[in-house]
């Protein structure tokens, strides 16, 4: 089974989730739980760093879509950063850049919350 890890850290008022490995139907609940924990603690400014993500399936994409409305209703957002070209192509194909801020650098994603 492919491995997946999600780790969490904070920069300013923004929570950063770093995801690593393979995000698919088996591992999507890990990301879902991490985002749900943030929401449960009233944290709605979230950056997801894709630097170490090797693969994402529709289940992984579904997790992101499942939370965005709730988070935006609370005045927050999910911003995505540091995707490799292969992962970005998947997002681009599905029109995600119209829905999400996707930045090359984590710093830029964090800064967008401070504007």
N, C-alpha and C. Protein backbone atom coordinates (compact mmCIF):
# COMPACT_ATOMS: atom_id res chain seq x y z
N UNK A 1 0.84 -1.20 0.00
CA UNK A 1 0.00 0.00 0.00
C UNK A 1 0.88 1.26 0.00
N UNK A 2 0.51 2.22 -0.79
CA UNK A 2 1.27 3.46 -0.86
C UNK A 2 1.07 4.28 0.39
N UNK A 3 2.12 4.98 0.78
CA UNK A 3 2.04 5.73 2.03
C UNK A 3 1.61 7.18 1.79
N UNK A 4 1.06 7.74 2.84
CA UNK A 4 0.62 9.13 2.80
C UNK A 4 0.82 9.71 4.18
N UNK A 5 1.31 10.94 4.23
CA UNK A 5 1.48 11.62 5.52
C UNK A 5 0.95 13.03 5.39
N UNK A 6 0.38 13.50 6.48
CA UNK A 6 -0.02 14.90 6.53
C UNK A 6 0.53 15.48 7.83
N UNK A 7 1.27 16.58 7.71
CA UNK A 7 1.79 17.22 8.91
C UNK A 7 1.30 18.66 8.93
N UNK A 8 1.30 19.23 10.12
CA UNK A 8 0.66 20.52 10.32
C UNK A 8 1.61 21.48 11.03
N UNK A 9 1.65 22.71 10.57
CA UNK A 9 2.40 23.74 11.27
C UNK A 9 1.73 25.07 11.01
N UNK A 10 2.16 26.07 11.76
CA UNK A 10 1.50 27.37 11.66
C UNK A 10 2.49 28.44 11.22
N UNK A 11 2.01 29.36 10.39
CA UNK A 11 2.81 30.52 10.00
C UNK A 11 1.87 31.72 10.09
N UNK A 12 2.18 32.65 10.99
CA UNK A 12 1.28 33.76 11.31
C UNK A 12 -0.03 33.17 11.79
N UNK A 13 -1.15 33.58 11.20
CA UNK A 13 -2.46 33.03 11.61
C UNK A 13 -2.88 31.88 10.70
N UNK A 14 -2.00 31.46 9.83
CA UNK A 14 -2.35 30.48 8.79
C UNK A 14 -1.85 29.09 9.18
N UNK A 15 -2.72 28.10 9.04
CA UNK A 15 -2.32 26.71 9.27
C UNK A 15 -1.84 26.13 7.95
N UNK A 16 -0.70 25.46 7.99
CA UNK A 16 -0.15 24.85 6.78
C UNK A 16 -0.19 23.34 6.94
N UNK A 17 -0.81 22.68 5.98
CA UNK A 17 -0.80 21.22 5.94
C UNK A 17 0.17 20.81 4.84
N UNK A 18 1.17 20.02 5.20
CA UNK A 18 2.08 19.48 4.20
C UNK A 18 1.64 18.05 3.94
N UNK A 19 1.42 17.76 2.67
CA UNK A 19 1.00 16.41 2.33
C UNK A 19 2.10 15.72 1.53
N UNK A 20 2.23 14.44 1.76
CA UNK A 20 3.39 13.71 1.24
C UNK A 20 2.96 12.31 0.82
N UNK A 21 3.38 11.90 -0.36
CA UNK A 21 3.13 10.53 -0.80
C UNK A 21 2.00 10.43 -1.79
N UNK A 22 1.09 9.49 -1.53
CA UNK A 22 0.00 9.18 -2.46
C UNK A 22 -1.34 9.47 -1.81
N UNK A 23 -2.08 10.39 -2.43
CA UNK A 23 -3.40 10.75 -1.91
C UNK A 23 -4.44 10.08 -2.78
N UNK A 24 -5.04 9.01 -2.25
CA UNK A 24 -6.04 8.25 -3.01
C UNK A 24 -7.19 7.86 -2.08
N UNK A 25 -8.04 6.97 -2.53
CA UNK A 25 -9.23 6.59 -1.75
C UNK A 25 -8.85 6.03 -0.37
N UNK A 26 -7.72 5.33 -0.29
CA UNK A 26 -7.30 4.73 0.98
C UNK A 26 -6.75 5.78 1.95
N UNK A 27 -6.09 6.81 1.41
CA UNK A 27 -5.41 7.76 2.27
C UNK A 27 -6.17 9.08 2.44
N UNK A 28 -7.18 9.31 1.60
CA UNK A 28 -7.95 10.55 1.67
C UNK A 28 -8.52 10.84 3.07
N UNK A 29 -8.98 9.82 3.82
CA UNK A 29 -9.50 10.11 5.16
C UNK A 29 -8.49 10.81 6.07
N UNK A 30 -7.19 10.58 5.88
CA UNK A 30 -6.18 11.26 6.69
C UNK A 30 -6.22 12.76 6.46
N UNK A 31 -6.32 13.15 5.20
CA UNK A 31 -6.40 14.58 4.87
C UNK A 31 -7.73 15.15 5.36
N UNK A 32 -8.77 14.37 5.17
CA UNK A 32 -10.11 14.79 5.62
C UNK A 32 -10.11 15.06 7.12
N UNK A 33 -9.51 14.17 7.89
CA UNK A 33 -9.44 14.34 9.35
C UNK A 33 -8.63 15.56 9.73
N UNK A 34 -7.51 15.79 9.03
CA UNK A 34 -6.66 16.94 9.33
C UNK A 34 -7.41 18.25 9.10
N UNK A 35 -8.14 18.32 7.99
CA UNK A 35 -8.90 19.55 7.69
C UNK A 35 -10.06 19.70 8.68
N UNK A 36 -10.72 18.59 9.00
CA UNK A 36 -11.83 18.64 9.95
C UNK A 36 -11.35 19.13 11.32
N UNK A 37 -10.17 18.70 11.74
CA UNK A 37 -9.61 19.16 13.02
C UNK A 37 -9.43 20.67 13.02
N UNK A 38 -8.97 21.21 11.89
CA UNK A 38 -8.78 22.66 11.79
C UNK A 38 -10.13 23.37 11.91
N UNK A 39 -11.13 22.87 11.20
CA UNK A 39 -12.46 23.47 11.25
C UNK A 39 -13.03 23.38 12.67
N UNK A 40 -12.84 22.23 13.31
CA UNK A 40 -13.34 22.04 14.68
C UNK A 40 -12.69 23.03 15.65
N UNK A 41 -11.49 23.48 15.34
CA UNK A 41 -10.82 24.45 16.21
C UNK A 41 -10.97 25.88 15.65
N UNK A 42 -11.99 26.07 14.80
CA UNK A 42 -12.29 27.38 14.22
C UNK A 42 -11.11 27.98 13.45
N UNK A 43 -10.39 27.15 12.76
CA UNK A 43 -9.29 27.61 11.92
C UNK A 43 -9.73 27.49 10.46
N UNK A 44 -9.78 28.64 9.79
CA UNK A 44 -10.31 28.63 8.42
C UNK A 44 -9.33 29.21 7.41
N UNK A 45 -8.12 29.53 7.83
CA UNK A 45 -7.09 30.00 6.90
C UNK A 45 -6.10 28.86 6.73
N UNK A 46 -6.22 28.17 5.61
CA UNK A 46 -5.47 26.93 5.42
C UNK A 46 -4.69 26.98 4.11
N UNK A 47 -3.42 26.61 4.21
CA UNK A 47 -2.59 26.42 3.01
C UNK A 47 -2.22 24.95 2.97
N UNK A 48 -2.39 24.34 1.80
CA UNK A 48 -1.96 22.96 1.64
C UNK A 48 -0.74 22.96 0.72
N UNK A 49 0.37 22.44 1.25
CA UNK A 49 1.62 22.39 0.50
C UNK A 49 1.76 21.01 -0.13
N UNK A 50 1.84 21.01 -1.47
CA UNK A 50 1.89 19.78 -2.25
C UNK A 50 3.31 19.36 -2.62
N UNK A 51 4.32 20.04 -2.09
CA UNK A 51 5.72 19.83 -2.49
C UNK A 51 6.09 18.34 -2.56
N UNK A 52 5.68 17.55 -1.57
CA UNK A 52 6.09 16.14 -1.51
C UNK A 52 5.00 15.16 -1.91
N UNK A 53 3.96 15.68 -2.58
CA UNK A 53 2.89 14.78 -3.03
C UNK A 53 3.25 14.19 -4.39
N UNK A 54 3.20 12.88 -4.49
CA UNK A 54 3.57 12.20 -5.74
C UNK A 54 2.36 11.91 -6.62
N UNK A 55 1.18 11.76 -5.98
CA UNK A 55 0.00 11.31 -6.74
C UNK A 55 -1.26 11.78 -6.03
N UNK A 56 -2.27 12.15 -6.83
CA UNK A 56 -3.57 12.48 -6.25
C UNK A 56 -4.66 11.85 -7.12
N UNK A 57 -5.63 11.21 -6.48
CA UNK A 57 -6.75 10.62 -7.22
C UNK A 57 -7.98 11.51 -7.05
N UNK A 58 -9.05 11.11 -7.69
CA UNK A 58 -10.30 11.87 -7.58
C UNK A 58 -10.78 11.92 -6.13
N UNK A 59 -10.47 10.90 -5.34
CA UNK A 59 -10.87 10.91 -3.93
C UNK A 59 -10.17 12.04 -3.19
N UNK A 60 -8.92 12.27 -3.50
CA UNK A 60 -8.17 13.36 -2.89
C UNK A 60 -8.73 14.71 -3.30
N UNK A 61 -9.06 14.84 -4.57
CA UNK A 61 -9.67 16.07 -5.07
C UNK A 61 -11.02 16.30 -4.39
N UNK A 62 -11.74 15.22 -4.18
CA UNK A 62 -13.05 15.29 -3.54
C UNK A 62 -12.98 15.84 -2.12
N UNK A 63 -11.91 15.49 -1.40
CA UNK A 63 -11.73 16.01 -0.03
C UNK A 63 -11.66 17.53 -0.08
N UNK A 64 -10.87 18.06 -1.01
CA UNK A 64 -10.74 19.52 -1.11
C UNK A 64 -12.08 20.17 -1.43
N UNK A 65 -12.81 19.58 -2.36
CA UNK A 65 -14.10 20.15 -2.75
C UNK A 65 -15.11 20.04 -1.62
N UNK A 66 -14.99 19.00 -0.80
CA UNK A 66 -15.94 18.76 0.27
C UNK A 66 -15.90 19.82 1.37
N UNK A 67 -14.77 20.50 1.52
CA UNK A 67 -14.62 21.45 2.62
C UNK A 67 -14.70 22.91 2.21
N UNK A 68 -14.44 23.20 0.95
CA UNK A 68 -14.21 24.59 0.55
C UNK A 68 -15.41 25.50 0.86
N UNK A 69 -16.61 25.02 0.62
CA UNK A 69 -17.80 25.85 0.82
C UNK A 69 -17.95 26.25 2.29
N UNK A 70 -17.85 25.27 3.17
CA UNK A 70 -17.94 25.50 4.62
C UNK A 70 -16.87 26.50 5.07
N UNK A 71 -15.65 26.31 4.61
CA UNK A 71 -14.55 27.18 5.02
C UNK A 71 -14.77 28.61 4.53
N UNK A 72 -15.24 28.76 3.30
CA UNK A 72 -15.48 30.11 2.78
C UNK A 72 -16.67 30.77 3.46
N UNK A 73 -17.65 29.98 3.86
CA UNK A 73 -18.80 30.54 4.61
C UNK A 73 -18.35 31.14 5.94
N UNK A 74 -17.22 30.65 6.45
CA UNK A 74 -16.67 31.16 7.71
C UNK A 74 -15.58 32.21 7.45
N UNK A 75 -15.55 32.75 6.25
CA UNK A 75 -14.60 33.82 5.94
C UNK A 75 -13.18 33.35 5.68
N UNK A 76 -13.00 32.06 5.52
CA UNK A 76 -11.66 31.52 5.29
C UNK A 76 -11.47 31.05 3.86
N UNK A 77 -10.39 30.32 3.66
CA UNK A 77 -10.11 29.77 2.33
C UNK A 77 -9.07 28.65 2.47
N UNK A 78 -8.98 27.85 1.42
CA UNK A 78 -7.90 26.87 1.30
C UNK A 78 -7.08 27.32 0.10
N UNK A 79 -5.80 27.54 0.30
CA UNK A 79 -4.91 27.90 -0.79
C UNK A 79 -3.93 26.75 -0.99
N UNK A 80 -3.57 26.52 -2.23
CA UNK A 80 -2.74 25.38 -2.58
C UNK A 80 -1.40 25.88 -3.11
N UNK A 81 -0.32 25.16 -2.79
CA UNK A 81 0.99 25.63 -3.27
C UNK A 81 1.96 24.49 -3.54
N UNK A 82 2.99 24.86 -4.29
CA UNK A 82 4.15 24.01 -4.57
C UNK A 82 3.81 22.66 -5.19
N UNK A 83 2.89 22.66 -6.15
CA UNK A 83 2.55 21.41 -6.85
C UNK A 83 3.60 21.12 -7.92
N UNK A 84 3.90 19.84 -8.09
CA UNK A 84 4.74 19.50 -9.23
C UNK A 84 3.88 19.58 -10.49
N UNK A 85 4.54 19.54 -11.63
CA UNK A 85 3.84 19.76 -12.89
C UNK A 85 2.74 18.74 -13.15
N UNK A 86 3.01 17.48 -12.82
CA UNK A 86 2.04 16.40 -13.07
C UNK A 86 0.76 16.64 -12.26
N UNK A 87 0.91 16.99 -10.99
CA UNK A 87 -0.26 17.23 -10.13
C UNK A 87 -0.99 18.49 -10.58
N UNK A 88 -0.22 19.53 -10.91
CA UNK A 88 -0.86 20.77 -11.37
C UNK A 88 -1.70 20.51 -12.62
N UNK A 89 -1.22 19.69 -13.52
CA UNK A 89 -1.98 19.38 -14.75
C UNK A 89 -3.33 18.78 -14.43
N UNK A 90 -3.37 17.90 -13.44
CA UNK A 90 -4.65 17.29 -13.03
C UNK A 90 -5.60 18.39 -12.54
N UNK A 91 -5.10 19.28 -11.69
CA UNK A 91 -5.91 20.37 -11.16
C UNK A 91 -6.38 21.30 -12.28
N UNK A 92 -5.46 21.59 -13.19
CA UNK A 92 -5.75 22.50 -14.29
C UNK A 92 -6.83 21.92 -15.20
N UNK A 93 -6.70 20.65 -15.52
CA UNK A 93 -7.66 19.96 -16.37
C UNK A 93 -9.08 20.05 -15.81
N UNK A 94 -9.19 20.00 -14.49
CA UNK A 94 -10.49 19.99 -13.82
C UNK A 94 -10.98 21.40 -13.47
N UNK A 95 -10.22 22.42 -13.88
CA UNK A 95 -10.65 23.79 -13.65
C UNK A 95 -10.42 24.30 -12.23
N UNK A 96 -9.62 23.60 -11.45
CA UNK A 96 -9.36 24.02 -10.07
C UNK A 96 -8.73 25.41 -9.95
N UNK A 97 -7.87 25.82 -10.91
CA UNK A 97 -7.30 27.17 -10.76
C UNK A 97 -8.35 28.29 -10.78
N UNK A 98 -9.54 28.00 -11.26
CA UNK A 98 -10.62 29.00 -11.23
C UNK A 98 -11.27 29.05 -9.83
N UNK A 99 -11.15 27.95 -9.09
CA UNK A 99 -11.80 27.82 -7.79
C UNK A 99 -10.83 28.15 -6.65
N UNK A 100 -9.58 27.75 -6.81
CA UNK A 100 -8.58 27.88 -5.75
C UNK A 100 -7.44 28.79 -6.18
N UNK A 101 -6.85 29.48 -5.19
CA UNK A 101 -5.57 30.14 -5.41
C UNK A 101 -4.51 29.07 -5.39
N UNK A 102 -3.75 28.95 -6.46
CA UNK A 102 -2.64 27.99 -6.50
C UNK A 102 -1.37 28.80 -6.74
N UNK A 103 -0.44 28.72 -5.81
CA UNK A 103 0.79 29.50 -5.94
C UNK A 103 2.00 28.57 -6.04
N UNK A 104 3.07 29.11 -6.61
CA UNK A 104 4.30 28.32 -6.71
C UNK A 104 4.98 28.20 -5.36
N UNK A 105 4.97 29.28 -4.58
CA UNK A 105 5.68 29.28 -3.30
C UNK A 105 4.70 29.34 -2.13
N UNK A 106 5.03 28.62 -1.09
CA UNK A 106 4.19 28.61 0.11
C UNK A 106 4.04 30.03 0.68
N UNK A 107 5.14 30.76 0.67
CA UNK A 107 5.14 32.12 1.21
C UNK A 107 4.06 32.98 0.53
N UNK A 108 3.93 32.84 -0.79
CA UNK A 108 2.93 33.61 -1.55
C UNK A 108 1.51 33.23 -1.11
N UNK A 109 1.29 31.96 -0.88
CA UNK A 109 -0.04 31.49 -0.45
C UNK A 109 -0.37 32.07 0.92
N UNK A 110 0.59 32.06 1.83
CA UNK A 110 0.38 32.61 3.17
C UNK A 110 0.09 34.10 3.09
N UNK A 111 0.87 34.80 2.26
CA UNK A 111 0.71 36.24 2.11
C UNK A 111 -0.69 36.63 1.63
N UNK A 112 -1.28 35.79 0.78
CA UNK A 112 -2.61 36.11 0.26
C UNK A 112 -3.65 36.26 1.37
N UNK A 113 -3.42 35.60 2.51
CA UNK A 113 -4.34 35.75 3.63
C UNK A 113 -4.15 37.09 4.35
N UNK A 114 -2.98 37.66 4.20
CA UNK A 114 -2.67 38.87 4.93
C UNK A 114 -3.04 40.13 4.15
N UNK A 115 -3.68 39.97 3.01
CA UNK A 115 -4.04 41.14 2.19
C UNK A 115 -5.42 41.61 2.54
